[in-house]
Amino acid sequence: MDQNQLKKLVGEKSVEFVEDHMILGLGTGTTVRYMVDALGKRVKEEGLDIVGVTTSDRTAEQARKLGIPLKSVDEVDHIDLTIDGADEISSDFQGIKGGGAALLFEKIVATNSDKVMWIVDETKLSPKLGSFPLPVEVIPYGSQKVFERFEKKGLNPKFRRDAQTNELVRTDSNNYVIDLYLHEIDEPHSLAEYLINQVGVVEQGLFLDMVNTVIVGRENGPEIIPVKR
């Protein structure tokens, strides 16, 4: 099975956890696209009654086309379950997210959710975080100063640029993303605390102590891993 087939498997498996009348957080990314497709199919074929809260304009556009009713995070009093992807998951189930530049909205939705589920193929699993660059969302004004502070601290920063245009990537909030090439993160909680306290930083991509269930796409089928919190 190739990577896309594994992503499709976990996307389809995850919607089996969705029940009638749920308010559901809908993540962002390639694996989530398969999940939203499968969710739209259940809404159409079963009359599944749900409300989606999306984490990006891309997911919102896909969900609308599939007939999934949507509300903003400020229009709901709770979110039952958020299903999202992850760019890297460590052996103790901490995560890096933000490869799709949606980390701010993803974290807002996740932290307002009763339960969080991550759906990934097995390439996303690592003993420790850090092999995937850590995204940090920063406001444009003063972003070069933030970049220089990260350089001085040895965090190996790079502004994220569009592969086609070489323009600086803009998030849905019109901010920039600085990726930190760290290779291995020994103390993710300390790093998260440092980053979020830097003036000009809007959010950082360490998603810590947050996930309740992980579904991993493997050659022999999806593996469902409950995470004790």
C-alpha atoms as a PDB file:
ATOM      1  CA  MET A   1       0.000   0.000   0.000  1.00  0.00           C
ATOM      2  CA  ASP A   2       1.290   3.475  -0.793  1.00  0.00           C
ATOM      3  CA  GLN A   3       1.129   6.430   1.588  1.00  0.00           C
ATOM      4  CA  ASN A   4      -2.098   7.830   0.120  1.00  0.00           C
ATOM      5  CA  GLN A   5      -3.858   4.481   0.526  1.00  0.00           C
ATOM      6  CA  LEU A   6      -2.814   4.400   4.189  1.00  0.00           C
ATOM      7  CA  LYS A   7      -4.109   7.944   4.663  1.00  0.00           C
ATOM      8  CA  LYS A   8      -7.419   7.007   3.037  1.00  0.00           C
ATOM      9  CA  LEU A   9      -7.762   3.976   5.326  1.00  0.00           C
ATOM     10  CA  VAL A  10      -7.320   5.989   8.533  1.00  0.00           C
ATOM     11  CA  GLY A  11      -9.508   8.811   7.243  1.00  0.00           C
ATOM     12  CA  GLU A  12     -12.352   6.395   6.608  1.00  0.00           C
ATOM     13  CA  LYS A  13     -11.778   4.567   9.908  1.00  0.00           C
ATOM     14  CA  SER A  14     -11.923   7.790  11.928  1.00  0.00           C
ATOM     15  CA  VAL A  15     -15.445   8.708  10.829  1.00  0.00           C
ATOM     16  CA  GLU A  16     -16.715   5.479  12.393  1.00  0.00           C
ATOM     17  CA  PHE A  17     -16.257   7.328  15.709  1.00  0.00           C
ATOM     18  CA  VAL A  18     -18.608  10.137  14.635  1.00  0.00           C
ATOM     19  CA  GLU A  19     -22.106   9.946  16.105  1.00  0.00           C
ATOM     20  CA  ASP A  20     -25.368  11.718  15.364  1.00  0.00           C
ATOM     21  CA  HIS A  21     -25.696  15.257  16.789  1.00  0.00           C
ATOM     22  CA  MET A  22     -21.949  15.693  17.321  1.00  0.00           C
ATOM     23  CA  ILE A  23     -20.175  19.008  16.951  1.00  0.00           C
ATOM     24  CA  LEU A  24     -17.026  17.950  15.154  1.00  0.00           C
ATOM     25  CA  GLY A  25     -13.708  19.751  14.711  1.00  0.00           C
ATOM     26  CA  LEU A  26     -12.394  19.208  11.191  1.00  0.00           C
ATOM     27  CA  GLY A  27      -8.629  19.458  10.829  1.00  0.00           C
ATOM     28  CA  THR A  28      -6.437  20.326   7.871  1.00  0.00           C
ATOM     29  CA  GLY A  29      -4.104  18.357   5.613  1.00  0.00           C
ATOM     30  CA  THR A  30      -3.911  15.523   3.111  1.00  0.00           C
ATOM     31  CA  THR A  31      -5.088  12.794   5.500  1.00  0.00           C
ATOM     32  CA  VAL A  32      -7.957  14.951   6.723  1.00  0.00           C
ATOM     33  CA  ARG A  33      -9.179  15.416   3.149  1.00  0.00           C
ATOM     34  CA  TYR A  34      -9.942  11.683   3.018  1.00  0.00           C
ATOM     35  CA  MET A  35     -11.709  11.939   6.379  1.00  0.00           C
ATOM     36  CA  VAL A  36     -13.890  14.847   5.223  1.00  0.00           C
ATOM     37  CA  ASP A  37     -14.784  12.951   2.037  1.00  0.00           C
ATOM     38  CA  ALA A  38     -15.861   9.941   4.123  1.00  0.00           C
ATOM     39  CA  LEU A  39     -17.787  12.197   6.502  1.00  0.00           C
ATOM     40  CA  GLY A  40     -19.596  13.886   3.623  1.00  0.00           C
ATOM     41  CA  LYS A  41     -20.592  10.447   2.343  1.00  0.00           C
ATOM     42  CA  ARG A  42     -22.122   9.544   5.720  1.00  0.00           C
ATOM     43  CA  VAL A  43     -23.993  12.868   5.852  1.00  0.00           C
ATOM     44  CA  LYS A  44     -25.423  12.244   2.378  1.00  0.00           C
ATOM     45  CA  GLU A  45     -26.169   8.529   2.613  1.00  0.00           C
ATOM     46  CA  GLU A  46     -27.166   8.182   6.293  1.00  0.00           C
ATOM     47  CA  GLY A  47     -28.565  11.653   6.987  1.00  0.00           C
ATOM     48  CA  LEU A  48     -25.930  11.998   9.724  1.00  0.00           C
ATOM     49  CA  ASP A  49     -26.793  15.124  11.735  1.00  0.00           C
ATOM     50  CA  ILE A  50     -23.546  16.891  12.657  1.00  0.00           C
ATOM     51  CA  VAL A  51     -22.026  20.360  12.707  1.00  0.00           C
ATOM     52  CA  GLY A  52     -18.436  20.896  11.584  1.00  0.00           C
ATOM     53  CA  VAL A  53     -15.983  23.459  12.972  1.00  0.00           C
ATOM     54  CA  THR A  54     -13.145  23.840  10.500  1.00  0.00           C
ATOM     55  CA  THR A  55      -9.496  24.735  11.081  1.00  0.00           C
ATOM     56  CA  SER A  56      -8.766  26.288   7.674  1.00  0.00           C
ATOM     57  CA  ASP A  57     -10.388  27.890   4.649  1.00  0.00           C
ATOM     58  CA  ARG A  58      -9.407  24.823   2.579  1.00  0.00           C
ATOM     59  CA  THR A  59     -11.254  22.408   4.832  1.00  0.00           C
ATOM     60  CA  ALA A  60     -14.264  24.726   5.022  1.00  0.00           C
ATOM     61  CA  GLU A  61     -14.499  24.870   1.228  1.00  0.00           C
ATOM     62  CA  GLN A  62     -14.321  21.067   0.922  1.00  0.00           C
ATOM     63  CA  ALA A  63     -16.904  20.521   3.679  1.00  0.00           C
ATOM     64  CA  ARG A  64     -19.376  22.978   2.159  1.00  0.00           C
ATOM     65  CA  LYS A  65     -19.167  21.272  -1.226  1.00  0.00           C
ATOM     66  CA  LEU A  66     -20.010  17.963   0.481  1.00  0.00           C
ATOM     67  CA  GLY A  67     -23.031  19.401   2.282  1.00  0.00           C
ATOM     68  CA  ILE A  68     -21.546  19.340   5.799  1.00  0.00           C
ATOM     69  CA  PRO A  69     -23.139  22.100   7.936  1.00  0.00           C
ATOM     70  CA  LEU A  70     -20.528  24.445   9.443  1.00  0.00           C
ATOM     71  CA  LYS A  71     -20.246  26.903  12.308  1.00  0.00           C
ATOM     72  CA  SER A  72     -17.303  28.911  13.600  1.00  0.00           C
ATOM     73  CA  VAL A  73     -15.675  28.001  16.892  1.00  0.00           C
ATOM     74  CA  ASP A  74     -17.296  31.072  18.475  1.00  0.00           C
ATOM     75  CA  GLU A  75     -20.784  29.922  17.458  1.00  0.00           C
ATOM     76  CA  VAL A  76     -20.697  26.621  19.378  1.00  0.00           C
ATOM     77  CA  ASP A  77     -20.703  26.017  23.133  1.00  0.00           C
ATOM     78  CA  HIS A  78     -18.466  22.950  22.881  1.00  0.00           C
ATOM     79  CA  ILE A  79     -16.801  20.588  20.392  1.00  0.00           C
ATOM     80  CA  ASP A  80     -17.329  16.877  21.031  1.00  0.00           C
ATOM     81  CA  LEU A  81     -14.424  15.569  18.965  1.00  0.00           C
ATOM     82  CA  THR A  82     -11.765  17.013  16.707  1.00  0.00           C
ATOM     83  CA  ILE A  83     -10.231  14.783  14.040  1.00  0.00           C
ATOM     84  CA  ASP A  84      -6.978  16.117  12.615  1.00  0.00           C
ATOM     85  CA  GLY A  85      -3.716  14.974  11.137  1.00  0.00           C
ATOM     86  CA  ALA A  86      -0.241  15.445  12.590  1.00  0.00           C
ATOM     87  CA  ASP A  87       3.152  16.025  11.008  1.00  0.00           C
ATOM     88  CA  GLU A  88       5.031  14.080  13.664  1.00  0.00           C
ATOM     89  CA  ILE A  89       4.036  12.093  16.761  1.00  0.00           C
ATOM     90  CA  SER A  90       6.563  11.011  19.396  1.00  0.00           C
ATOM     91  CA  SER A  91       6.503   7.715  21.286  1.00  0.00           C
ATOM     92  CA  ASP A  92       4.869   9.515  24.263  1.00  0.00           C
ATOM     93  CA  PHE A  93       2.165  10.941  21.955  1.00  0.00           C
ATOM     94  CA  GLN A  94       3.252  14.557  21.779  1.00  0.00           C
ATOM     95  CA  GLY A  95       2.867  16.162  18.369  1.00  0.00           C
ATOM     96  CA  ILE A  96       4.110  18.692  15.854  1.00  0.00           C
ATOM     97  CA  LYS A  97       1.504  20.277  13.597  1.00  0.00           C
ATOM     98  CA  GLY A  98       1.456  23.186  11.208  1.00  0.00           C
ATOM     99  CA  GLY A  99       2.933  21.747   8.021  1.00  0.00           C
ATOM    100  CA  GLY A 100      -0.135  23.102   6.244  1.00  0.00           C
ATOM    101  CA  ALA A 101       0.266  26.518   7.938  1.00  0.00           C
ATOM    102  CA  ALA A 102      -2.999  26.083   9.887  1.00  0.00           C
ATOM    103  CA  LEU A 103      -1.499  25.624  13.361  1.00  0.00           C
ATOM    104  CA  LEU A 104      -3.243  28.594  15.007  1.00  0.00           C
ATOM    105  CA  PHE A 105      -6.784  27.596  14.019  1.00  0.00           C
ATOM    106  CA  GLU A 106      -5.958  23.921  14.632  1.00  0.00           C
ATOM    107  CA  LYS A 107      -4.827  24.660  18.182  1.00  0.00           C
ATOM    108  CA  ILE A 108      -7.818  26.896  18.929  1.00  0.00           C
ATOM    109  CA  VAL A 109     -10.211  24.157  17.834  1.00  0.00           C
ATOM    110  CA  ALA A 110      -8.283  21.374  19.594  1.00  0.00           C
ATOM    111  CA  THR A 111      -8.069  23.183  22.930  1.00  0.00           C
ATOM    112  CA  ASN A 112     -11.834  23.770  22.840  1.00  0.00           C
ATOM    113  CA  SER A 113     -12.588  20.085  22.168  1.00  0.00           C
ATOM    114  CA  ASP A 114     -13.676  17.408  24.638  1.00  0.00           C
ATOM    115  CA  LYS A 115     -11.659  14.791  22.714  1.00  0.00           C
ATOM    116  CA  VAL A 116      -8.911  14.984  20.087  1.00  0.00           C
ATOM    117  CA  MET A 117      -8.086  12.275  17.544  1.00  0.00           C
ATOM    118  CA  TRP A 118      -5.044  12.304  15.254  1.00  0.00           C
ATOM    119  CA  ILE A 119      -5.046  10.282  12.050  1.00  0.00           C
ATOM    120  CA  VAL A 120      -1.677   9.544  10.438  1.00  0.00           C
ATOM    121  CA  ASP A 121       0.196   7.078   8.293  1.00  0.00           C
ATOM    122  CA  GLU A 122       3.042   5.243  10.018  1.00  0.00           C
ATOM    123  CA  THR A 123       5.753   7.527   8.547  1.00  0.00           C
ATOM    124  CA  LYS A 124       4.643  10.231  11.006  1.00  0.00           C
ATOM    125  CA  LEU A 125       5.766   8.272  14.073  1.00  0.00           C
ATOM    126  CA  SER A 126       9.128   9.107  15.713  1.00  0.00           C
ATOM    127  CA  PRO A 127      10.830   8.216  18.996  1.00  0.00           C
ATOM    128  CA  LYS A 128      11.286  11.957  19.683  1.00  0.00           C
ATOM    129  CA  LEU A 129       9.931  15.116  18.077  1.00  0.00           C
ATOM    130  CA  GLY A 130      12.149  17.275  15.903  1.00  0.00           C
ATOM    131  CA  SER A 131      12.777  15.486  12.627  1.00  0.00           C
ATOM    132  CA  PHE A 132       9.851  17.492  11.195  1.00  0.00           C
ATOM    133  CA  PRO A 133      10.577  21.254  11.239  1.00  0.00           C
ATOM    134  CA  LEU A 134       8.683  23.018  14.022  1.00  0.00           C
ATOM    135  CA  PRO A 135       6.387  25.757  12.645  1.00  0.00           C
ATOM    136  CA  VAL A 136       6.017  29.059  14.481  1.00  0.00           C
ATOM    137  CA  GLU A 137       3.383  31.571  13.326  1.00  0.00           C
ATOM    138  CA  VAL A 138       4.511  35.189  13.646  1.00  0.00           C
ATOM    139  CA  ILE A 139       2.962  38.529  12.764  1.00  0.00           C
ATOM    140  CA  PRO A 140       4.682  40.228   9.803  1.00  0.00           C
ATOM    141  CA  TYR A 141       5.621  43.384  11.744  1.00  0.00           C
ATOM    142  CA  GLY A 142       8.907  42.709  13.507  1.00  0.00           C
ATOM    143  CA  SER A 143       9.150  39.171  12.134  1.00  0.00           C
ATOM    144  CA  GLN A 144      12.784  39.679  11.142  1.00  0.00           C
ATOM    145  CA  LYS A 145      13.588  40.560  14.761  1.00  0.00           C
ATOM    146  CA  VAL A 146      11.900  37.365  15.951  1.00  0.00           C
ATOM    147  CA  PHE A 147      13.868  35.435  13.312  1.00  0.00           C
ATOM    148  CA  GLU A 148      17.139  36.952  14.587  1.00  0.00           C
ATOM    149  CA  ARG A 149      16.297  35.997  18.186  1.00  0.00           C
ATOM    150  CA  PHE A 150      15.692  32.420  17.077  1.00  0.00           C
ATOM    151  CA  GLU A 151      19.027  32.443  15.211  1.00  0.00           C
ATOM    152  CA  LYS A 152      20.901  33.630  18.298  1.00  0.00           C
ATOM    153  CA  LYS A 153      19.313  30.852  20.337  1.00  0.00           C
ATOM    154  CA  GLY A 154      20.516  28.253  17.812  1.00  0.00           C
ATOM    155  CA  LEU A 155      17.032  27.234  16.646  1.00  0.00           C
ATOM    156  CA  ASN A 156      17.971  27.154  12.931  1.00  0.00           C
ATOM    157  CA  PRO A 157      15.024  29.226  11.661  1.00  0.00           C
ATOM    158  CA  LYS A 158      13.855  29.599   8.065  1.00  0.00           C
ATOM    159  CA  PHE A 159      10.969  31.672   6.798  1.00  0.00           C
ATOM    160  CA  ARG A 160       8.565  29.384   4.956  1.00  0.00           C
ATOM    161  CA  ARG A 161       8.250  30.257   1.268  1.00  0.00           C
ATOM    162  CA  ASP A 162       5.920  29.066  -1.460  1.00  0.00           C
ATOM    163  CA  ALA A 163       7.700  26.463  -3.589  1.00  0.00           C
ATOM    164  CA  GLN A 164       6.359  27.929  -6.848  1.00  0.00           C
ATOM    165  CA  THR A 165       6.491  31.697  -6.277  1.00  0.00           C
ATOM    166  CA  ASN A 166       9.179  31.900  -3.550  1.00  0.00           C
ATOM    167  CA  GLU A 167       6.893  34.396  -1.787  1.00  0.00           C
ATOM    168  CA  LEU A 168       6.608  34.182   1.992  1.00  0.00           C
ATOM    169  CA  VAL A 169       3.764  31.826   2.943  1.00  0.00           C
ATOM    170  CA  ARG A 170       0.769  33.543   4.539  1.00  0.00           C
ATOM    171  CA  THR A 171      -1.546  31.788   6.982  1.00  0.00           C
ATOM    172  CA  ASP A 172      -5.337  32.209   6.951  1.00  0.00           C
ATOM    173  CA  SER A 173      -4.737  35.008   9.482  1.00  0.00           C
ATOM    174  CA  ASN A 174      -2.270  36.645   7.057  1.00  0.00           C
ATOM    175  CA  ASN A 175       0.740  35.902   9.244  1.00  0.00           C
ATOM    176  CA  TYR A 176       4.142  34.413   8.348  1.00  0.00           C
ATOM    177  CA  VAL A 177       5.536  31.002   9.347  1.00  0.00           C
ATOM    178  CA  ILE A 178       9.081  30.488  10.601  1.00  0.00           C
ATOM    179  CA  ASP A 179      10.131  26.830  10.599  1.00  0.00           C
ATOM    180  CA  LEU A 180      12.709  25.707  13.169  1.00  0.00           C
ATOM    181  CA  TYR A 181      15.018  22.903  11.998  1.00  0.00           C
ATOM    182  CA  LEU A 182      15.872  21.269  15.307  1.00  0.00           C
ATOM    183  CA  HIS A 183      16.336  17.560  14.418  1.00  0.00           C
ATOM    184  CA  GLU A 184      15.615  16.483  18.004  1.00  0.00           C
ATOM    185  CA  ILE A 185      13.601  18.216  20.738  1.00  0.00           C
ATOM    186  CA  ASP A 186      14.659  17.040  24.190  1.00  0.00           C
ATOM    187  CA  GLU A 187      12.365  19.271  26.262  1.00  0.00           C
ATOM    188  CA  PRO A 188       9.238  20.099  24.241  1.00  0.00           C
ATOM    189  CA  HIS A 189       7.358  21.691  27.158  1.00  0.00           C
ATOM    190  CA  SER A 190      10.212  24.112  27.910  1.00  0.00           C
ATOM    191  CA  LEU A 191      10.580  24.972  24.226  1.00  0.00           C
ATOM    192  CA  ALA A 192       6.836  25.575  23.865  1.00  0.00           C
ATOM    193  CA  GLU A 193       6.918  27.922  26.865  1.00  0.00           C
ATOM    194  CA  TYR A 194       9.882  29.868  25.468  1.00  0.00           C
ATOM    195  CA  LEU A 195       8.343  30.243  22.004  1.00  0.00           C
ATOM    196  CA  ILE A 196       4.867  31.373  23.046  1.00  0.00           C
ATOM    197  CA  ASN A 197       6.383  34.038  25.294  1.00  0.00           C
ATOM    198  CA  GLN A 198       8.330  35.702  22.463  1.00  0.00           C
ATOM    199  CA  VAL A 199       6.732  38.997  21.463  1.00  0.00           C
ATOM    200  CA  GLY A 200       5.513  38.704  17.871  1.00  0.00           C
ATOM    201  CA  VAL A 201       4.832  34.971  18.071  1.00  0.00           C
ATOM    202  CA  VAL A 202       1.157  34.156  17.576  1.00  0.00           C
ATOM    203  CA  GLU A 203       1.363  30.376  18.074  1.00  0.00           C
ATOM    204  CA  GLN A 204       3.835  27.504  17.927  1.00  0.00           C
ATOM    205  CA  GLY A 205       3.332  24.025  16.499  1.00  0.00           C
ATOM    206  CA  LEU A 206       3.983  21.852  19.538  1.00  0.00           C
ATOM    207  CA  PHE A 207       0.699  20.147  20.424  1.00  0.00           C
ATOM    208  CA  LEU A 208       1.419  18.750  23.868  1.00  0.00           C
ATOM    209  CA  ASP A 209      -0.696  16.602  26.225  1.00  0.00           C
ATOM    210  CA  MET A 210      -3.620  17.030  23.868  1.00  0.00           C
ATOM    211  CA  VAL A 211      -4.478  13.875  21.940  1.00  0.00           C
ATOM    212  CA  ASN A 212      -6.820  11.138  23.244  1.00  0.00           C
ATOM    213  CA  THR A 213      -6.763   8.670  20.342  1.00  0.00           C
ATOM    214  CA  VAL A 214      -4.319   8.059  17.489  1.00  0.00           C
ATOM    215  CA  ILE A 215      -5.223   6.040  14.412  1.00  0.00           C
ATOM    216  CA  VAL A 216      -2.145   4.871  12.491  1.00  0.00           C
ATOM    217  CA  GLY A 217      -2.344   3.588   8.940  1.00  0.00           C
ATOM    218  CA  ARG A 218      -0.342   0.362   8.667  1.00  0.00           C
ATOM    219  CA  GLU A 219       0.041  -2.217   5.918  1.00  0.00           C
ATOM    220  CA  ASN A 220      -2.152  -4.697   7.790  1.00  0.00           C
ATOM    221  CA  GLY A 221      -4.868  -2.115   8.518  1.00  0.00           C
ATOM    222  CA  PRO A 222      -5.547   0.873  10.792  1.00  0.00           C
ATOM    223  CA  GLU A 223      -4.201   0.637  14.346  1.00  0.00           C
ATOM    224  CA  ILE A 224      -6.306   2.431  16.986  1.00  0.00           C
ATOM    225  CA  ILE A 225      -4.222   3.619  19.957  1.00  0.00           C
ATOM    226  CA  PRO A 226      -5.985   5.031  23.030  1.00  0.00           C
ATOM    227  CA  VAL A 227      -3.821   7.616  24.817  1.00  0.00           C
ATOM    228  CA  LYS A 228      -4.077   7.929  28.600  1.00  0.00           C
ATOM    229  CA  ARG A 229      -4.227  11.518  29.825  1.00  0.00           C
END
